[in-house]
PDB file of all heavy atoms in Angstrom:
ATOM      1  N   TYR A   1     127.645  96.579 -59.288  1.00  0.00           N
ATOM      2  CA  TYR A   1     128.082  95.823 -60.465  1.00  0.00           C
ATOM      3  C   TYR A   1     128.072  96.691 -61.727  1.00  0.00           C
ATOM      4  O   TYR A   1     127.239  97.584 -61.885  1.00  0.00           O
ATOM      5  CB  TYR A   1     127.187  94.598 -60.678  1.00  0.00           C
ATOM      6  CG  TYR A   1     127.337  93.597 -59.559  1.00  0.00           C
ATOM      7  CD1 TYR A   1     126.464  93.609 -58.478  1.00  0.00           C
ATOM      8  CD2 TYR A   1     128.378  92.674 -59.559  1.00  0.00           C
ATOM      9  CE1 TYR A   1     126.614  92.724 -57.427  1.00  0.00           C
ATOM     10  CE2 TYR A   1     128.533  91.779 -58.514  1.00  0.00           C
ATOM     11  CZ  TYR A   1     127.654  91.809 -57.447  1.00  0.00           C
ATOM     12  OH  TYR A   1     127.824  90.936 -56.402  1.00  0.00           O
ATOM     13  N   SER A   2     129.019  96.391 -62.602  1.00  0.00           N
ATOM     14  CA  SER A   2     129.056  97.029 -63.912  1.00  0.00           C
ATOM     15  C   SER A   2     129.276  95.955 -64.961  1.00  0.00           C
ATOM     16  O   SER A   2     129.833  94.888 -64.682  1.00  0.00           O
ATOM     17  CB  SER A   2     130.167  98.081 -63.988  1.00  0.00           C
ATOM     18  OG  SER A   2     131.443  97.480 -63.898  1.00  0.00           O
ATOM     19  N   VAL A   3     128.819  96.240 -66.180  1.00  0.00           N
ATOM     20  CA  VAL A   3     129.002  95.303 -67.287  1.00  0.00           C
ATOM     21  C   VAL A   3     129.647  96.039 -68.459  1.00  0.00           C
ATOM     22  O   VAL A   3     129.471  97.248 -68.634  1.00  0.00           O
ATOM     23  CB  VAL A   3     127.666  94.665 -67.735  1.00  0.00           C
ATOM     24  CG1 VAL A   3     127.099  93.766 -66.651  1.00  0.00           C
ATOM     25  CG2 VAL A   3     126.659  95.732 -68.133  1.00  0.00           C
ATOM     26  N   ASN A   4     130.412  95.286 -69.225  1.00  0.00           N
ATOM     27  CA  ASN A   4     131.114  95.816 -70.390  1.00  0.00           C
ATOM     28  C   ASN A   4     130.844  94.910 -71.585  1.00  0.00           C
ATOM     29  O   ASN A   4     130.740  93.698 -71.434  1.00  0.00           O
ATOM     30  CB  ASN A   4     132.626  95.845 -70.136  1.00  0.00           C
ATOM     31  CG  ASN A   4     133.003  96.643 -68.895  1.00  0.00           C
ATOM     32  OD1 ASN A   4     133.376  97.801 -68.985  1.00  0.00           O
ATOM     33  ND2 ASN A   4     132.900  96.024 -67.720  1.00  0.00           N
ATOM     34  N   PHE A   5     130.770  95.488 -72.760  1.00  0.00           N
ATOM     35  CA  PHE A   5     130.568  94.721 -73.989  1.00  0.00           C
ATOM     36  C   PHE A   5     131.667  95.050 -74.995  1.00  0.00           C
ATOM     37  O   PHE A   5     131.399  95.576 -76.080  1.00  0.00           O
ATOM     38  CB  PHE A   5     129.194  95.031 -74.592  1.00  0.00           C
ATOM     39  CG  PHE A   5     128.046  94.809 -73.649  1.00  0.00           C
ATOM     40  CD1 PHE A   5     127.308  95.885 -73.179  1.00  0.00           C
ATOM     41  CD2 PHE A   5     127.712  93.536 -73.234  1.00  0.00           C
ATOM     42  CE1 PHE A   5     126.251  95.688 -72.309  1.00  0.00           C
ATOM     43  CE2 PHE A   5     126.654  93.325 -72.370  1.00  0.00           C
ATOM     44  CZ  PHE A   5     125.920  94.409 -71.896  1.00  0.00           C
ATOM     45  N   PRO A   6     132.922  94.758 -74.667  1.00  0.00           N
ATOM     46  CA  PRO A   6     134.003  95.082 -75.609  1.00  0.00           C
ATOM     47  C   PRO A   6     133.919  94.213 -76.855  1.00  0.00           C
ATOM     48  O   PRO A   6     133.768  92.997 -76.777  1.00  0.00           O
ATOM     49  CB  PRO A   6     135.270  94.772 -74.802  1.00  0.00           C
ATOM     50  CG  PRO A   6     134.827  93.712 -73.827  1.00  0.00           C
ATOM     51  CD  PRO A   6     133.419  94.078 -73.457  1.00  0.00           C
ATOM     52  N   ARG A   7     134.003  94.854 -78.009  1.00  0.00           N
ATOM     53  CA  ARG A   7     134.051  94.105 -79.264  1.00  0.00           C
ATOM     54  C   ARG A   7     135.499  93.872 -79.652  1.00  0.00           C
ATOM     55  O   ARG A   7     136.387  94.651 -79.307  1.00  0.00           O
ATOM     56  CB  ARG A   7     133.335  94.881 -80.373  1.00  0.00           C
ATOM     57  CG  ARG A   7     131.855  95.019 -80.148  1.00  0.00           C
ATOM     58  CD  ARG A   7     131.155  95.608 -81.359  1.00  0.00           C
ATOM     59  NE  ARG A   7     131.442  97.024 -81.552  1.00  0.00           N
ATOM     60  CZ  ARG A   7     130.938  97.754 -82.539  1.00  0.00           C
ATOM     61  NH1 ARG A   7     130.130  97.192 -83.422  1.00  0.00           N
ATOM     62  NH2 ARG A   7     131.231  99.038 -82.655  1.00  0.00           N
ATOM     63  N   MET A   8     135.734  92.785 -80.357  1.00  0.00           N
ATOM     64  CA  MET A   8     137.082  92.476 -80.813  1.00  0.00           C
ATOM     65  C   MET A   8     137.637  93.639 -81.616  1.00  0.00           C
ATOM     66  O   MET A   8     136.971  94.186 -82.490  1.00  0.00           O
ATOM     67  CB  MET A   8     137.088  91.218 -81.679  1.00  0.00           C
ATOM     68  CG  MET A   8     136.726  89.939 -80.950  1.00  0.00           C
ATOM     69  SD  MET A   8     137.943  89.433 -79.725  1.00  0.00           S
ATOM     70  CE  MET A   8     139.404  89.200 -80.727  1.00  0.00           C
ATOM     71  N   ARG A   9     138.874  94.011 -81.297  1.00  0.00           N
ATOM     72  CA  ARG A   9     139.570  95.071 -82.002  1.00  0.00           C
ATOM     73  C   ARG A   9     140.884  94.521 -82.543  1.00  0.00           C
ATOM     74  O   ARG A   9     141.421  93.546 -82.001  1.00  0.00           O
ATOM     75  CB  ARG A   9     139.885  96.234 -81.048  1.00  0.00           C
ATOM     76  CG  ARG A   9     138.673  96.984 -80.536  1.00  0.00           C
ATOM     77  CD  ARG A   9     138.084  97.876 -81.601  1.00  0.00           C
ATOM     78  NE  ARG A   9     139.091  98.801 -82.132  1.00  0.00           N
ATOM     79  CZ  ARG A   9     139.045  99.329 -83.334  1.00  0.00           C
ATOM     80  NH1 ARG A   9     138.070  99.016 -84.153  1.00  0.00           N
ATOM     81  NH2 ARG A   9     139.983 100.159 -83.747  1.00  0.00           N
ATOM     82  N   PRO A  10     141.431  95.122 -83.613  1.00  0.00           N
ATOM     83  CA  PRO A  10     142.752  94.683 -84.080  1.00  0.00           C
ATOM     84  C   PRO A  10     143.793  94.803 -82.958  1.00  0.00           C
ATOM     85  O   PRO A  10     143.777  95.753 -82.193  1.00  0.00           O
ATOM     86  CB  PRO A  10     143.055  95.669 -85.211  1.00  0.00           C
ATOM     87  CG  PRO A  10     141.725  96.143 -85.672  1.00  0.00           C
ATOM     88  CD  PRO A  10     140.860  96.185 -84.445  1.00  0.00           C
ATOM     89  N   ALA A  11     144.655  93.816 -82.857  1.00  0.00           N
ATOM     90  CA  ALA A  11     145.702  93.816 -81.836  1.00  0.00           C
ATOM     91  C   ALA A  11     147.018  93.442 -82.482  1.00  0.00           C
ATOM     92  O   ALA A  11     147.067  92.970 -83.626  1.00  0.00           O
ATOM     93  CB  ALA A  11     145.361  92.833 -80.710  1.00  0.00           C
ATOM     94  N   GLN A  12     148.103  93.638 -81.732  1.00  0.00           N
ATOM     95  CA  GLN A  12     149.424  93.313 -82.251  1.00  0.00           C
ATOM     96  C   GLN A  12     149.691  91.814 -82.082  1.00  0.00           C
ATOM     97  O   GLN A  12     150.628  91.398 -81.430  1.00  0.00           O
ATOM     98  CB  GLN A  12     150.472  94.149 -81.509  1.00  0.00           C
ATOM     99  CG  GLN A  12     150.268  95.643 -81.659  1.00  0.00           C
ATOM    100  CD  GLN A  12     150.439  96.115 -83.084  1.00  0.00           C
ATOM    101  OE1 GLN A  12     151.188  95.524 -83.849  1.00  0.00           O
ATOM    102  NE2 GLN A  12     149.759  97.186 -83.455  1.00  0.00           N
ATOM    103  N   ASN A  13     148.811  91.008 -82.629  1.00  0.00           N
ATOM    104  CA  ASN A  13     148.945  89.557 -82.572  1.00  0.00           C
ATOM    105  C   ASN A  13     148.432  89.011 -83.900  1.00  0.00           C
ATOM    106  O   ASN A  13     147.280  88.601 -84.024  1.00  0.00           O
ATOM    107  CB  ASN A  13     148.163  88.981 -81.389  1.00  0.00           C
ATOM    108  CG  ASN A  13     148.718  87.638 -80.966  1.00  0.00           C
ATOM    109  OD1 ASN A  13     149.898  87.364 -81.123  1.00  0.00           O
ATOM    110  ND2 ASN A  13     147.870  86.798 -80.413  1.00  0.00           N
ATOM    111  N   GLU A  14     149.271  89.053 -84.900  1.00  0.00           N
ATOM    112  CA  GLU A  14     148.851  88.741 -86.258  1.00  0.00           C
ATOM    113  C   GLU A  14     148.375  87.292 -86.384  1.00  0.00           C
ATOM    114  O   GLU A  14     148.883  86.391 -85.734  1.00  0.00           O
ATOM    115  CB  GLU A  14     150.006  89.000 -87.222  1.00  0.00           C
ATOM    116  CG  GLU A  14     150.427  90.475 -87.295  1.00  0.00           C
ATOM    117  CD  GLU A  14     151.551  90.697 -88.274  1.00  0.00           C
ATOM    118  OE1 GLU A  14     151.939  89.729 -88.958  1.00  0.00           O
ATOM    119  OE2 GLU A  14     152.040  91.835 -88.352  1.00  0.00           O
ATOM    120  N   GLY A  15     147.388  87.110 -87.232  1.00  0.00           N
ATOM    121  CA  GLY A  15     146.926  85.762 -87.529  1.00  0.00           C
ATOM    122  C   GLY A  15     145.588  85.416 -86.907  1.00  0.00           C
ATOM    123  O   GLY A  15     144.889  84.536 -87.409  1.00  0.00           O
ATOM    124  N   PHE A  16     145.202  86.100 -85.803  1.00  0.00           N
ATOM    125  CA  PHE A  16     143.928  85.768 -85.177  1.00  0.00           C
ATOM    126  C   PHE A  16     142.807  86.580 -85.809  1.00  0.00           C
ATOM    127  O   PHE A  16     142.909  87.792 -85.974  1.00  0.00           O
ATOM    128  CB  PHE A  16     143.952  86.035 -83.678  1.00  0.00           C
ATOM    129  CG  PHE A  16     142.639  85.698 -83.012  1.00  0.00           C
ATOM    130  CD1 PHE A  16     142.321  84.384 -82.729  1.00  0.00           C
ATOM    131  CD2 PHE A  16     141.726  86.695 -82.723  1.00  0.00           C
ATOM    132  CE1 PHE A  16     141.103  84.066 -82.145  1.00  0.00           C
ATOM    133  CE2 PHE A  16     140.510  86.391 -82.146  1.00  0.00           C
ATOM    134  CZ  PHE A  16     140.199  85.070 -81.850  1.00  0.00           C
ATOM    135  N   LYS A  17     141.729  85.888 -86.141  1.00  0.00           N
ATOM    136  CA  LYS A  17     140.554  86.527 -86.699  1.00  0.00           C
ATOM    137  C   LYS A  17     139.355  86.235 -85.798  1.00  0.00           C
ATOM    138  O   LYS A  17     139.160  85.084 -85.377  1.00  0.00           O
ATOM    139  CB  LYS A  17     140.257  86.012 -88.111  1.00  0.00           C
ATOM    140  CG  LYS A  17     141.383  86.231 -89.114  1.00  0.00           C
ATOM    141  CD  LYS A  17     141.614  87.703 -89.375  1.00  0.00           C
ATOM    142  CE  LYS A  17     142.694  87.896 -90.421  1.00  0.00           C
ATOM    143  NZ  LYS A  17     143.018  89.340 -90.617  1.00  0.00           N
ATOM    144  N   PRO A  18     138.543  87.246 -85.492  1.00  0.00           N
ATOM    145  CA  PRO A  18     137.339  87.007 -84.679  1.00  0.00           C
ATOM    146  C   PRO A  18     136.428  85.981 -85.351  1.00  0.00           C
ATOM    147  O   PRO A  18     136.399  85.871 -86.580  1.00  0.00           O
ATOM    148  CB  PRO A  18     136.678  88.389 -84.610  1.00  0.00           C
ATOM    149  CG  PRO A  18     137.768  89.357 -84.901  1.00  0.00           C
ATOM    150  CD  PRO A  18     138.700  88.657 -85.852  1.00  0.00           C
ATOM    151  N   ASN A  19     135.684  85.250 -84.542  1.00  0.00           N
ATOM    152  CA  ASN A  19     134.747  84.267 -85.082  1.00  0.00           C
ATOM    153  C   ASN A  19     133.493  84.926 -85.646  1.00  0.00           C
ATOM    154  O   ASN A  19     132.745  84.308 -86.406  1.00  0.00           O
ATOM    155  CB  ASN A  19     134.371  83.258 -83.999  1.00  0.00           C
ATOM    156  CG  ASN A  19     135.485  82.251 -83.773  1.00  0.00           C
ATOM    157  OD1 ASN A  19     135.946  81.601 -84.703  1.00  0.00           O
ATOM    158  ND2 ASN A  19     135.937  82.136 -82.537  1.00  0.00           N
ATOM    159  N   CYS A  20     133.243  86.159 -85.245  1.00  0.00           N
ATOM    160  CA  CYS A  20     132.161  86.931 -85.847  1.00  0.00           C
ATOM    161  C   CYS A  20     132.440  88.409 -85.596  1.00  0.00           C
ATOM    162  O   CYS A  20     133.236  88.757 -84.722  1.00  0.00           O
ATOM    163  CB  CYS A  20     130.788  86.539 -85.280  1.00  0.00           C
ATOM    164  SG  CYS A  20     130.504  87.086 -83.590  1.00  0.00           S
ATOM    165  N   LEU A  21     131.810  89.247 -86.388  1.00  0.00           N
ATOM    166  CA  LEU A  21     131.917  90.690 -86.204  1.00  0.00           C
ATOM    167  C   LEU A  21     130.577  91.200 -85.702  1.00  0.00           C
ATOM    168  O   LEU A  21     129.555  91.073 -86.394  1.00  0.00           O
ATOM    169  CB  LEU A  21     132.298  91.373 -87.515  1.00  0.00           C
ATOM    170  CG  LEU A  21     133.700  91.053 -88.043  1.00  0.00           C
ATOM    171  CD1 LEU A  21     133.914  91.716 -89.401  1.00  0.00           C
ATOM    172  CD2 LEU A  21     134.768  91.506 -87.050  1.00  0.00           C
ATOM    173  N   VAL A  22     130.558  91.728 -84.499  1.00  0.00           N
ATOM    174  CA  VAL A  22     129.328  92.254 -83.913  1.00  0.00           C
ATOM    175  C   VAL A  22     129.097  93.650 -84.475  1.00  0.00           C
ATOM    176  O   VAL A  22     129.944  94.536 -84.351  1.00  0.00           O
ATOM    177  CB  VAL A  22     129.436  92.288 -82.377  1.00  0.00           C
ATOM    178  CG1 VAL A  22     128.192  92.919 -81.765  1.00  0.00           C
ATOM    179  CG2 VAL A  22     129.635  90.870 -81.837  1.00  0.00           C
ATOM    180  N   THR A  23     127.956  93.840 -85.102  1.00  0.00           N
ATOM    181  CA  THR A  23     127.661  95.101 -85.767  1.00  0.00           C
ATOM    182  C   THR A  23     127.300  96.188 -84.747  1.00  0.00           C
ATOM    183  O   THR A  23     127.033  95.907 -83.569  1.00  0.00           O
ATOM    184  CB  THR A  23     126.498  94.946 -86.753  1.00  0.00           C
ATOM    185  OG1 THR A  23     125.289  94.679 -86.011  1.00  0.00           O
ATOM    186  CG2 THR A  23     126.756  93.815 -87.734  1.00  0.00           C
ATOM    187  N   ASP A  24     127.239  97.421 -85.222  1.00  0.00           N
ATOM    188  CA  ASP A  24     126.850  98.529 -84.352  1.00  0.00           C
ATOM    189  C   ASP A  24     125.428  98.346 -83.830  1.00  0.00           C
ATOM    190  O   ASP A  24     125.145  98.615 -82.657  1.00  0.00           O
ATOM    191  CB  ASP A  24     126.948  99.854 -85.116  1.00  0.00           C
ATOM    192  CG  ASP A  24     128.376 100.182 -85.535  1.00  0.00           C
ATOM    193  OD1 ASP A  24     129.311  99.581 -84.983  1.00  0.00           O
ATOM    194  OD2 ASP A  24     128.540 101.041 -86.433  1.00  0.00           O
ATOM    195  N   ARG A  25     124.542  97.893 -84.690  1.00  0.00           N
ATOM    196  CA  ARG A  25     123.147  97.672 -84.256  1.00  0.00           C
ATOM    197  C   ARG A  25     123.068  96.560 -83.214  1.00  0.00           C
ATOM    198  O   ARG A  25     122.281  96.636 -82.273  1.00  0.00           O
ATOM    199  CB  ARG A  25     122.260  97.332 -85.462  1.00  0.00           C
ATOM    200  CG  ARG A  25     121.944  98.544 -86.336  1.00  0.00           C
ATOM    201  CD  ARG A  25     121.098  98.148 -87.540  1.00  0.00           C
ATOM    202  NE  ARG A  25     119.791  97.633 -87.142  1.00  0.00           N
ATOM    203  CZ  ARG A  25     118.742  98.405 -86.864  1.00  0.00           C
ATOM    204  NH1 ARG A  25     118.845  99.720 -86.921  1.00  0.00           N
ATOM    205  NH2 ARG A  25     117.587  97.856 -86.540  1.00  0.00           N
ATOM    206  N   GLU A  26     123.875  95.526 -83.378  1.00  0.00           N
ATOM    207  CA  GLU A  26     123.870  94.439 -82.396  1.00  0.00           C
ATOM    208  C   GLU A  26     124.444  94.901 -81.060  1.00  0.00           C
ATOM    209  O   GLU A  26     123.959  94.496 -79.998  1.00  0.00           O
ATOM    210  CB  GLU A  26     124.652  93.247 -82.954  1.00  0.00           C
ATOM    211  CG  GLU A  26     123.914  92.543 -84.087  1.00  0.00           C
ATOM    212  CD  GLU A  26     124.785  91.537 -84.816  1.00  0.00           C
ATOM    213  OE1 GLU A  26     126.034  91.646 -84.765  1.00  0.00           O
ATOM    214  OE2 GLU A  26     124.214  90.639 -85.475  1.00  0.00           O
ATOM    215  N   LEU A  27     125.477  95.735 -81.108  1.00  0.00           N
ATOM    216  CA  LEU A  27     126.017  96.288 -79.868  1.00  0.00           C
ATOM    217  C   LEU A  27     124.960  97.138 -79.166  1.00  0.00           C
ATOM    218  O   LEU A  27     124.797  97.063 -77.943  1.00  0.00           O
ATOM    219  CB  LEU A  27     127.259  97.128 -80.157  1.00  0.00           C
ATOM    220  CG  LEU A  27     127.889  97.832 -78.942  1.00  0.00           C
ATOM    221  CD1 LEU A  27     128.398  96.815 -77.926  1.00  0.00           C
ATOM    222  CD2 LEU A  27     129.028  98.758 -79.386  1.00  0.00           C
ATOM    223  N   ALA A  28     124.238  97.947 -79.934  1.00  0.00           N
ATOM    224  CA  ALA A  28     123.155  98.743 -79.354  1.00  0.00           C
ATOM    225  C   ALA A  28     122.083  97.836 -78.760  1.00  0.00           C
ATOM    226  O   ALA A  28     121.580  98.086 -77.655  1.00  0.00           O
ATOM    227  CB  ALA A  28     122.554  99.658 -80.420  1.00  0.00           C
ATOM    228  N   GLN A  29     121.750  96.759 -79.468  1.00  0.00           N
ATOM    229  CA  GLN A  29     120.705  95.854 -78.994  1.00  0.00           C
ATOM    230  C   GLN A  29     121.058  95.239 -77.650  1.00  0.00           C
ATOM    231  O   GLN A  29     120.223  95.215 -76.730  1.00  0.00           O
ATOM    232  CB  GLN A  29     120.460  94.745 -80.019  1.00  0.00           C
ATOM    233  CG  GLN A  29     119.384  93.755 -79.600  1.00  0.00           C
ATOM    234  CD  GLN A  29     119.178  92.642 -80.614  1.00  0.00           C
ATOM    235  OE1 GLN A  29     119.784  92.636 -81.693  1.00  0.00           O
ATOM    236  NE2 GLN A  29     118.312  91.690 -80.290  1.00  0.00           N
TER     237      GLN A  29
END
């Protein structure tokens, strides 16, 4: 098994905004 923690990135789909921004420290945590 493997796990991934992709954070929201800008995409070519205008208008959508993430519900939160996961910080670098939170990604590390």
